[in-house]
Amino acid sequence: MVPSNPQELLEELDATQERYVKKKLALGGYADWQRRVVEHWLSERTVTRQEAEMRSKAFWTRMRVGIAAAGLLVPLIWHFLKIS
Protein backbone atom coordinates (compact mmCIF):
# COMPACT_ATOMS: atom_id res chain seq x y z
CA MET A 1 0.00 0.00 0.00
CA VAL A 2 1.35 3.38 -1.02
CA PRO A 3 -0.05 6.13 1.18
CA SER A 4 -1.72 8.88 -0.81
CA ASN A 5 -2.20 11.41 1.99
CA PRO A 6 -0.52 12.39 5.26
CA GLN A 7 -3.11 10.58 7.41
CA GLU A 8 -2.52 7.26 5.68
CA LEU A 9 1.23 7.80 5.93
CA LEU A 10 0.98 8.50 9.67
CA GLU A 11 -1.06 5.33 10.16
CA GLU A 12 1.59 3.36 8.26
CA LEU A 13 4.39 4.96 10.30
CA ASP A 14 2.66 4.12 13.59
CA ALA A 15 2.47 0.48 12.49
CA THR A 16 6.15 0.35 11.46
CA GLN A 17 9.23 0.07 13.64
CA GLU A 18 11.11 3.34 13.90
CA ARG A 19 14.42 1.88 12.73
CA TYR A 20 12.89 0.82 9.41
CA VAL A 21 11.41 4.27 8.92
CA LYS A 22 14.83 5.86 9.57
CA LYS A 23 16.50 3.43 7.19
CA LYS A 24 13.97 4.06 4.44
CA LEU A 25 14.32 7.81 4.97
CA ALA A 26 18.12 7.57 4.74
CA LEU A 27 17.84 5.56 1.52
CA GLY A 28 15.51 8.15 -0.02
CA GLY A 29 12.48 5.87 -0.05
CA TYR A 30 9.96 8.65 0.48
CA ALA A 31 8.56 11.29 -1.86
CA ASP A 32 9.11 14.96 -1.00
CA TRP A 33 5.75 15.44 0.73
CA GLN A 34 6.22 12.14 2.57
CA ARG A 35 9.73 13.09 3.70
CA ARG A 36 8.38 16.18 5.50
CA VAL A 37 5.70 14.12 7.25
CA VAL A 38 8.20 11.40 8.22
CA GLU A 39 10.73 13.93 9.58
CA HIS A 40 8.00 15.58 11.65
CA TRP A 41 6.81 12.18 12.90
CA LEU A 42 10.35 11.21 13.91
CA SER A 43 10.90 14.51 15.72
CA GLU A 44 7.60 14.09 17.60
CA ARG A 45 8.64 10.58 18.65
CA THR A 46 11.99 11.89 19.84
CA VAL A 47 10.33 14.63 21.92
CA THR A 48 7.85 12.14 23.37
CA ARG A 49 10.67 9.74 24.27
CA GLN A 50 12.65 12.55 25.95
CA GLU A 51 9.60 13.66 27.96
CA ALA A 52 8.96 10.10 29.13
CA GLU A 53 12.61 9.74 30.12
CA MET A 54 12.46 12.99 32.11
CA ARG A 55 9.27 11.87 33.89
CA SER A 56 10.88 8.55 34.75
CA LYS A 57 14.02 10.23 36.10
CA ALA A 58 11.91 12.64 38.16
CA PHE A 59 9.86 9.75 39.57
CA TRP A 60 12.93 7.77 40.60
CA THR A 61 14.54 10.87 42.08
CA ARG A 62 11.44 11.44 44.21
CA MET A 63 11.49 7.79 45.25
CA ARG A 64 15.15 8.00 46.31
CA VAL A 65 14.50 11.21 48.26
CA GLY A 66 11.50 9.58 49.95
CA ILE A 67 13.50 6.52 50.91
CA ALA A 68 16.32 8.70 52.23
CA ALA A 69 13.84 10.77 54.27
CA ALA A 70 12.26 7.61 55.66
CA GLY A 71 15.71 6.32 56.51
CA LEU A 72 16.28 9.43 58.61
CA LEU A 73 12.83 9.81 60.13
CA VAL A 74 12.13 6.21 61.11
CA PRO A 75 15.14 5.91 63.46
CA LEU A 76 14.34 9.35 64.92
CA ILE A 77 10.71 8.39 65.59
CA TRP A 78 11.85 5.03 66.96
CA HIS A 79 14.25 6.81 69.31
CA PHE A 80 11.53 9.13 70.64
CA LEU A 81 9.14 6.22 71.13
CA LYS A 82 11.73 4.35 73.14
CA ILE A 83 12.27 7.41 75.36
CA SER A 84 8.57 7.79 76.13
PDB file of N, CA and C in Angstrom:
ATOM      1  N   MET A   1       0.843  -1.180   0.000  1.00  0.00           N
ATOM      2  CA  MET A   1       0.000   0.000   0.000  1.00  0.00           C
ATOM      3  C   MET A   1       0.891   1.247   0.000  1.00  0.00           C
ATOM      4  N   VAL A   2       0.633   2.113  -0.947  1.00  0.00           N
ATOM      5  CA  VAL A   2       1.354   3.375  -1.022  1.00  0.00           C
ATOM      6  C   VAL A   2       0.422   4.454  -0.481  1.00  0.00           C
ATOM      7  N   PRO A   3       0.822   5.110   0.610  1.00  0.00           N
ATOM      8  CA  PRO A   3      -0.054   6.128   1.182  1.00  0.00           C
ATOM      9  C   PRO A   3      -0.213   7.319   0.233  1.00  0.00           C
ATOM     10  N   SER A   4      -1.452   7.779   0.119  1.00  0.00           N
ATOM     11  CA  SER A   4      -1.721   8.878  -0.809  1.00  0.00           C
ATOM     12  C   SER A   4      -1.953  10.204  -0.098  1.00  0.00           C
ATOM     13  N   ASN A   5      -2.033  10.156   1.247  1.00  0.00           N
ATOM     14  CA  ASN A   5      -2.202  11.405   1.986  1.00  0.00           C
ATOM     15  C   ASN A   5      -1.477  11.288   3.328  1.00  0.00           C
ATOM     16  N   PRO A   6      -1.264  12.422   3.998  1.00  0.00           N
ATOM     17  CA  PRO A   6      -0.518  12.393   5.263  1.00  0.00           C
ATOM     18  C   PRO A   6      -1.134  11.493   6.329  1.00  0.00           C
ATOM     19  N   GLN A   7      -2.466  11.408   6.393  1.00  0.00           N
ATOM     20  CA  GLN A   7      -3.110  10.582   7.415  1.00  0.00           C
ATOM     21  C   GLN A   7      -2.788   9.103   7.206  1.00  0.00           C
ATOM     22  N   GLU A   8      -2.864   8.651   5.969  1.00  0.00           N
ATOM     23  CA  GLU A   8      -2.524   7.260   5.676  1.00  0.00           C
ATOM     24  C   GLU A   8      -1.056   6.989   5.980  1.00  0.00           C
ATOM     25  N   LEU A   9      -0.197   7.958   5.659  1.00  0.00           N
ATOM     26  CA  LEU A   9       1.227   7.798   5.932  1.00  0.00           C
ATOM     27  C   LEU A   9       1.484   7.705   7.434  1.00  0.00           C
ATOM     28  N   LEU A  10       0.809   8.545   8.217  1.00  0.00           N
ATOM     29  CA  LEU A  10       0.978   8.498   9.668  1.00  0.00           C
ATOM     30  C   LEU A  10       0.512   7.163  10.232  1.00  0.00           C
ATOM     31  N   GLU A  11      -0.583   6.638   9.709  1.00  0.00           N
ATOM     32  CA  GLU A  11      -1.064   5.333  10.159  1.00  0.00           C
ATOM     33  C   GLU A  11      -0.043   4.249   9.831  1.00  0.00           C
ATOM     34  N   GLU A  12       0.563   4.334   8.649  1.00  0.00           N
ATOM     35  CA  GLU A  12       1.592   3.361   8.263  1.00  0.00           C
ATOM     36  C   GLU A  12       2.831   3.502   9.156  1.00  0.00           C
ATOM     37  N   LEU A  13       3.213   4.735   9.448  1.00  0.00           N
ATOM     38  CA  LEU A  13       4.388   4.962  10.301  1.00  0.00           C
ATOM     39  C   LEU A  13       4.165   4.406  11.703  1.00  0.00           C
ATOM     40  N   ASP A  14       2.969   4.614  12.244  1.00  0.00           N
ATOM     41  CA  ASP A  14       2.661   4.118  13.586  1.00  0.00           C
ATOM     42  C   ASP A  14       2.718   2.588  13.651  1.00  0.00           C
ATOM     43  N   ALA A  15       2.471   1.938  12.530  1.00  0.00           N
ATOM     44  CA  ALA A  15       2.473   0.476  12.492  1.00  0.00           C
ATOM     45  C   ALA A  15       3.850  -0.092  12.143  1.00  0.00           C
ATOM     46  N   THR A  16       4.821   0.777  11.889  1.00  0.00           N
ATOM     47  CA  THR A  16       6.151   0.347  11.460  1.00  0.00           C
ATOM     48  C   THR A  16       7.168   0.650  12.544  1.00  0.00           C
ATOM     49  N   GLN A  17       8.170  -0.194  12.679  1.00  0.00           N
ATOM     50  CA  GLN A  17       9.232   0.067  13.643  1.00  0.00           C
ATOM     51  C   GLN A  17      10.039   1.286  13.198  1.00  0.00           C
ATOM     52  N   GLU A  18      10.425   2.076  14.172  1.00  0.00           N
ATOM     53  CA  GLU A  18      11.107   3.339  13.897  1.00  0.00           C
ATOM     54  C   GLU A  18      12.413   3.146  13.122  1.00  0.00           C
ATOM     55  N   ARG A  19      13.131   2.088  13.405  1.00  0.00           N
ATOM     56  CA  ARG A  19      14.422   1.884  12.727  1.00  0.00           C
ATOM     57  C   ARG A  19      14.237   1.668  11.234  1.00  0.00           C
ATOM     58  N   TYR A  20      13.144   1.012  10.835  1.00  0.00           N
ATOM     59  CA  TYR A  20      12.889   0.815   9.413  1.00  0.00           C
ATOM     60  C   TYR A  20      12.514   2.130   8.744  1.00  0.00           C
ATOM     61  N   VAL A  21      11.786   2.959   9.459  1.00  0.00           N
ATOM     62  CA  VAL A  21      11.414   4.268   8.921  1.00  0.00           C
ATOM     63  C   VAL A  21      12.671   5.106   8.713  1.00  0.00           C
ATOM     64  N   LYS A  22      13.578   5.097   9.697  1.00  0.00           N
ATOM     65  CA  LYS A  22      14.828   5.860   9.568  1.00  0.00           C
ATOM     66  C   LYS A  22      15.667   5.344   8.404  1.00  0.00           C
ATOM     67  N   LYS A  23      15.715   4.020   8.267  1.00  0.00           N
ATOM     68  CA  LYS A  23      16.505   3.426   7.188  1.00  0.00           C
ATOM     69  C   LYS A  23      15.928   3.804   5.829  1.00  0.00           C
ATOM     70  N   LYS A  24      14.617   3.719   5.698  1.00  0.00           N
ATOM     71  CA  LYS A  24      13.970   4.061   4.436  1.00  0.00           C
ATOM     72  C   LYS A  24      14.158   5.540   4.130  1.00  0.00           C
ATOM     73  N   LEU A  25      14.099   6.379   5.160  1.00  0.00           N
ATOM     74  CA  LEU A  25      14.317   7.813   4.967  1.00  0.00           C
ATOM     75  C   LEU A  25      15.743   8.074   4.501  1.00  0.00           C
ATOM     76  N   ALA A  26      16.720   7.389   5.113  1.00  0.00           N
ATOM     77  CA  ALA A  26      18.121   7.574   4.739  1.00  0.00           C
ATOM     78  C   ALA A  26      18.393   7.097   3.314  1.00  0.00           C
ATOM     79  N   LEU A  27      17.659   6.093   2.874  1.00  0.00           N
ATOM     80  CA  LEU A  27      17.845   5.562   1.515  1.00  0.00           C
ATOM     81  C   LEU A  27      17.044   6.329   0.466  1.00  0.00           C
ATOM     82  N   GLY A  28      16.290   7.341   0.921  1.00  0.00           N
ATOM     83  CA  GLY A  28      15.508   8.145  -0.023  1.00  0.00           C
ATOM     84  C   GLY A  28      14.267   7.444  -0.510  1.00  0.00           C
ATOM     85  N   GLY A  29      13.654   6.649   0.348  1.00  0.00           N
ATOM     86  CA  GLY A  29      12.482   5.866  -0.048  1.00  0.00           C
ATOM     87  C   GLY A  29      11.162   6.603   0.066  1.00  0.00           C
ATOM     88  N   TYR A  30      11.197   7.876   0.349  1.00  0.00           N
ATOM     89  CA  TYR A  30       9.959   8.650   0.483  1.00  0.00           C
ATOM     90  C   TYR A  30       9.936   9.791  -0.518  1.00  0.00           C
ATOM     91  N   ALA A  31       8.742  10.125  -0.982  1.00  0.00           N
ATOM     92  CA  ALA A  31       8.565  11.285  -1.856  1.00  0.00           C
ATOM     93  C   ALA A  31       8.769  12.555  -1.031  1.00  0.00           C
ATOM     94  N   ASP A  32       8.845  13.691  -1.700  1.00  0.00           N
ATOM     95  CA  ASP A  32       9.107  14.962  -1.001  1.00  0.00           C
ATOM     96  C   ASP A  32       8.072  15.252   0.078  1.00  0.00           C
ATOM     97  N   TRP A  33       6.782  15.133  -0.272  1.00  0.00           N
ATOM     98  CA  TRP A  33       5.752  15.436   0.726  1.00  0.00           C
ATOM     99  C   TRP A  33       5.789  14.420   1.853  1.00  0.00           C
ATOM    100  N   GLN A  34       6.138  13.170   1.545  1.00  0.00           N
ATOM    101  CA  GLN A  34       6.224  12.137   2.566  1.00  0.00           C
ATOM    102  C   GLN A  34       7.423  12.375   3.483  1.00  0.00           C
ATOM    103  N   ARG A  35       8.527  12.857   2.909  1.00  0.00           N
ATOM    104  CA  ARG A  35       9.731  13.092   3.703  1.00  0.00           C
ATOM    105  C   ARG A  35       9.453  14.116   4.801  1.00  0.00           C
ATOM    106  N   ARG A  36       8.724  15.171   4.482  1.00  0.00           N
ATOM    107  CA  ARG A  36       8.380  16.182   5.495  1.00  0.00           C
ATOM    108  C   ARG A  36       7.532  15.577   6.614  1.00  0.00           C
ATOM    109  N   VAL A  37       6.561  14.765   6.254  1.00  0.00           N
ATOM    110  CA  VAL A  37       5.698  14.121   7.249  1.00  0.00           C
ATOM    111  C   VAL A  37       6.510  13.161   8.114  1.00  0.00           C
ATOM    112  N   VAL A  38       7.381  12.380   7.491  1.00  0.00           N
ATOM    113  CA  VAL A  38       8.198  11.404   8.223  1.00  0.00           C
ATOM    114  C   VAL A  38       9.151  12.122   9.178  1.00  0.00           C
ATOM    115  N   GLU A  39       9.805  13.183   8.716  1.00  0.00           N
ATOM    116  CA  GLU A  39      10.728  13.929   9.583  1.00  0.00           C
ATOM    117  C   GLU A  39       9.990  14.517  10.780  1.00  0.00           C
ATOM    118  N   HIS A  40       8.798  15.039  10.550  1.00  0.00           N
ATOM    119  CA  HIS A  40       7.997  15.582  11.652  1.00  0.00           C
ATOM    120  C   HIS A  40       7.607  14.462  12.614  1.00  0.00           C
ATOM    121  N   TRP A  41       7.195  13.329  12.070  1.00  0.00           N
ATOM    122  CA  TRP A  41       6.812  12.181  12.899  1.00  0.00           C
ATOM    123  C   TRP A  41       7.981  11.716  13.754  1.00  0.00           C
ATOM    124  N   LEU A  42       9.161  11.627  13.163  1.00  0.00           N
ATOM    125  CA  LEU A  42      10.349  11.210  13.908  1.00  0.00           C
ATOM    126  C   LEU A  42      10.702  12.213  15.007  1.00  0.00           C
ATOM    127  N   SER A  43      10.587  13.504  14.699  1.00  0.00           N
ATOM    128  CA  SER A  43      10.901  14.511  15.720  1.00  0.00           C
ATOM    129  C   SER A  43       9.890  14.459  16.862  1.00  0.00           C
ATOM    130  N   GLU A  44       8.626  14.226  16.556  1.00  0.00           N
ATOM    131  CA  GLU A  44       7.601  14.091  17.605  1.00  0.00           C
ATOM    132  C   GLU A  44       7.886  12.877  18.481  1.00  0.00           C
ATOM    133  N   ARG A  45       8.309  11.784  17.872  1.00  0.00           N
ATOM    134  CA  ARG A  45       8.638  10.582  18.651  1.00  0.00           C
ATOM    135  C   ARG A  45       9.832  10.832  19.547  1.00  0.00           C
ATOM    136  N   THR A  46      10.807  11.579  19.043  1.00  0.00           N
ATOM    137  CA  THR A  46      11.986  11.888  19.842  1.00  0.00           C
ATOM    138  C   THR A  46      11.604  12.743  21.041  1.00  0.00           C
ATOM    139  N   VAL A  47      10.778  13.763  20.827  1.00  0.00           N
ATOM    140  CA  VAL A  47      10.331  14.635  21.919  1.00  0.00           C
ATOM    141  C   VAL A  47       9.539  13.831  22.943  1.00  0.00           C
ATOM    142  N   THR A  48       8.654  12.973  22.472  1.00  0.00           N
ATOM    143  CA  THR A  48       7.848  12.143  23.372  1.00  0.00           C
ATOM    144  C   THR A  48       8.738  11.223  24.205  1.00  0.00           C
ATOM    145  N   ARG A  49       9.742  10.628  23.561  1.00  0.00           N
ATOM    146  CA  ARG A  49      10.669   9.742  24.275  1.00  0.00           C
ATOM    147  C   ARG A  49      11.450  10.512  25.339  1.00  0.00           C
ATOM    148  N   GLN A  50      11.903  11.732  24.998  1.00  0.00           N
ATOM    149  CA  GLN A  50      12.651  12.547  25.953  1.00  0.00           C
ATOM    150  C   GLN A  50      11.776  12.950  27.137  1.00  0.00           C
ATOM    151  N   GLU A  51      10.513  13.297  26.873  1.00  0.00           N
ATOM    152  CA  GLU A  51       9.603  13.659  27.960  1.00  0.00           C
ATOM    153  C   GLU A  51       9.362  12.466  28.887  1.00  0.00           C
ATOM    154  N   ALA A  52       9.178  11.294  28.315  1.00  0.00           N
ATOM    155  CA  ALA A  52       8.965  10.098  29.132  1.00  0.00           C
ATOM    156  C   ALA A  52      10.201   9.786  29.963  1.00  0.00           C
ATOM    157  N   GLU A  53      11.365   9.981  29.380  1.00  0.00           N
ATOM    158  CA  GLU A  53      12.613   9.742  30.121  1.00  0.00           C
ATOM    159  C   GLU A  53      12.749  10.724  31.279  1.00  0.00           C
ATOM    160  N   MET A  54      12.392  11.984  31.040  1.00  0.00           N
ATOM    161  CA  MET A  54      12.464  12.985  32.113  1.00  0.00           C
ATOM    162  C   MET A  54      11.478  12.663  33.229  1.00  0.00           C
ATOM    163  N   ARG A  55      10.261  12.235  32.868  1.00  0.00           N
ATOM    164  CA  ARG A  55       9.273  11.865  33.888  1.00  0.00           C
ATOM    165  C   ARG A  55       9.758  10.688  34.712  1.00  0.00           C
ATOM    166  N   SER A  56      10.368   9.728  34.050  1.00  0.00           N
ATOM    167  CA  SER A  56      10.881   8.553  34.747  1.00  0.00           C
ATOM    168  C   SER A  56      12.009   8.940  35.703  1.00  0.00           C
ATOM    169  N   LYS A  57      12.915   9.780  35.239  1.00  0.00           N
ATOM    170  CA  LYS A  57      14.018  10.227  36.100  1.00  0.00           C
ATOM    171  C   LYS A  57      13.485  11.001  37.300  1.00  0.00           C
ATOM    172  N   ALA A  58      12.491  11.861  37.063  1.00  0.00           N
ATOM    173  CA  ALA A  58      11.913  12.641  38.164  1.00  0.00           C
ATOM    174  C   ALA A  58      11.234  11.713  39.167  1.00  0.00           C
ATOM    175  N   PHE A  59      10.523  10.705  38.680  1.00  0.00           N
ATOM    176  CA  PHE A  59       9.864   9.751  39.565  1.00  0.00           C
ATOM    177  C   PHE A  59      10.879   9.039  40.443  1.00  0.00           C
ATOM    178  N   TRP A  60      11.946   8.513  39.822  1.00  0.00           N
ATOM    179  CA  TRP A  60      12.930   7.767  40.599  1.00  0.00           C
ATOM    180  C   TRP A  60      13.719   8.666  41.543  1.00  0.00           C
ATOM    181  N   THR A  61      13.897   9.924  41.160  1.00  0.00           N
ATOM    182  CA  THR A  61      14.545  10.868  42.076  1.00  0.00           C
ATOM    183  C   THR A  61      13.669  11.095  43.298  1.00  0.00           C
ATOM    184  N   ARG A  62      12.365  11.273  43.084  1.00  0.00           N
ATOM    185  CA  ARG A  62      11.443  11.445  44.209  1.00  0.00           C
ATOM    186  C   ARG A  62      11.426  10.199  45.085  1.00  0.00           C
ATOM    187  N   MET A  63      11.475   9.028  44.467  1.00  0.00           N
ATOM    188  CA  MET A  63      11.489   7.790  45.247  1.00  0.00           C
ATOM    189  C   MET A  63      12.747   7.712  46.110  1.00  0.00           C
ATOM    190  N   ARG A  64      13.903   8.045  45.538  1.00  0.00           N
ATOM    191  CA  ARG A  64      15.153   7.998  46.311  1.00  0.00           C
ATOM    192  C   ARG A  64      15.133   8.999  47.447  1.00  0.00           C
ATOM    193  N   VAL A  65      14.599  10.200  47.199  1.00  0.00           N
ATOM    194  CA  VAL A  65      14.505  11.206  48.255  1.00  0.00           C
ATOM    195  C   VAL A  65      13.563  10.724  49.353  1.00  0.00           C
ATOM    196  N   GLY A  66      12.440  10.111  48.970  1.00  0.00           N
ATOM    197  CA  GLY A  66      11.496   9.585  49.950  1.00  0.00           C
ATOM    198  C   GLY A  66      12.109   8.482  50.796  1.00  0.00           C
ATOM    199  N   ILE A  67      12.853   7.607  50.163  1.00  0.00           N
ATOM    200  CA  ILE A  67      13.503   6.525  50.908  1.00  0.00           C
ATOM    201  C   ILE A  67      14.558   7.094  51.855  1.00  0.00           C
ATOM    202  N   ALA A  68      15.311   8.086  51.372  1.00  0.00           N
ATOM    203  CA  ALA A  68      16.323   8.703  52.231  1.00  0.00           C
ATOM    204  C   ALA A  68      15.660   9.397  53.422  1.00  0.00           C
ATOM    205  N   ALA A  69      14.553  10.099  53.180  1.00  0.00           N
ATOM    206  CA  ALA A  69      13.842  10.773  54.269  1.00  0.00           C
ATOM    207  C   ALA A  69      13.300   9.746  55.270  1.00  0.00           C
ATOM    208  N   ALA A  70      12.760   8.653  54.763  1.00  0.00           N
ATOM    209  CA  ALA A  70      12.257   7.610  55.662  1.00  0.00           C
ATOM    210  C   ALA A  70      13.409   7.006  56.460  1.00  0.00           C
ATOM    211  N   GLY A  71      14.556   6.859  55.816  1.00  0.00           N
ATOM    212  CA  GLY A  71      15.712   6.321  56.510  1.00  0.00           C
ATOM    213  C   GLY A  71      16.177   7.217  57.648  1.00  0.00           C
ATOM    214  N   LEU A  72      15.917   8.502  57.537  1.00  0.00           N
ATOM    215  CA  LEU A  72      16.283   9.430  58.612  1.00  0.00           C
ATOM    216  C   LEU A  72      15.176   9.555  59.656  1.00  0.00           C
ATOM    217  N   LEU A  73      13.940   9.575  59.213  1.00  0.00           N
ATOM    218  CA  LEU A  73      12.829   9.806  60.129  1.00  0.00           C
ATOM    219  C   LEU A  73      12.464   8.579  60.970  1.00  0.00           C
ATOM    220  N   VAL A  74      12.526   7.409  60.380  1.00  0.00           N
ATOM    221  CA  VAL A  74      12.130   6.209  61.112  1.00  0.00           C
ATOM    222  C   VAL A  74      13.013   5.998  62.350  1.00  0.00           C
ATOM    223  N   PRO A  75      14.332   6.066  62.244  1.00  0.00           N
ATOM    224  CA  PRO A  75      15.139   5.910  63.463  1.00  0.00           C
ATOM    225  C   PRO A  75      14.879   7.017  64.488  1.00  0.00           C
ATOM    226  N   LEU A  76      14.633   8.236  64.017  1.00  0.00           N
ATOM    227  CA  LEU A  76      14.344   9.350  64.915  1.00  0.00           C
ATOM    228  C   LEU A  76      13.035   9.102  65.670  1.00  0.00           C
ATOM    229  N   ILE A  77      11.999   8.693  64.963  1.00  0.00           N
ATOM    230  CA  ILE A  77      10.710   8.390  65.592  1.00  0.00           C
ATOM    231  C   ILE A  77      10.874   7.207  66.543  1.00  0.00           C
ATOM    232  N   TRP A  78      11.608   6.191  66.124  1.00  0.00           N
ATOM    233  CA  TRP A  78      11.853   5.025  66.962  1.00  0.00           C
ATOM    234  C   TRP A  78      12.554   5.430  68.259  1.00  0.00           C
ATOM    235  N   HIS A  79      13.516   6.335  68.146  1.00  0.00           N
ATOM    236  CA  HIS A  79      14.249   6.809  69.306  1.00  0.00           C
ATOM    237  C   HIS A  79      13.315   7.525  70.287  1.00  0.00           C
ATOM    238  N   PHE A  80      12.449   8.402  69.771  1.00  0.00           N
ATOM    239  CA  PHE A  80      11.531   9.130  70.642  1.00  0.00           C
ATOM    240  C   PHE A  80      10.481   8.211  71.263  1.00  0.00           C
ATOM    241  N   LEU A  81      10.089   7.174  70.572  1.00  0.00           N
ATOM    242  CA  LEU A  81       9.139   6.218  71.128  1.00  0.00           C
ATOM    243  C   LEU A  81       9.765   5.399  72.250  1.00  0.00           C
ATOM    244  N   LYS A  82      11.043   5.103  72.117  1.00  0.00           N
ATOM    245  CA  LYS A  82      11.729   4.346  73.141  1.00  0.00           C
ATOM    246  C   LYS A  82      11.933   5.194  74.403  1.00  0.00           C
ATOM    247  N   ILE A  83      12.096   6.508  74.222  1.00  0.00           N
ATOM    248  CA  ILE A  83      12.275   7.406  75.363  1.00  0.00           C
ATOM    249  C   ILE A  83      10.987   7.535  76.157  1.00  0.00           C
ATOM    250  N   SER A  84       9.862   7.589  75.466  1.00  0.00           N
ATOM    251  CA  SER A  84       8.574   7.792  76.126  1.00  0.00           C
ATOM    252  C   SER A  84       8.150   6.662  76.923  1.00  0.00           C
TER     253      SER A  84
END
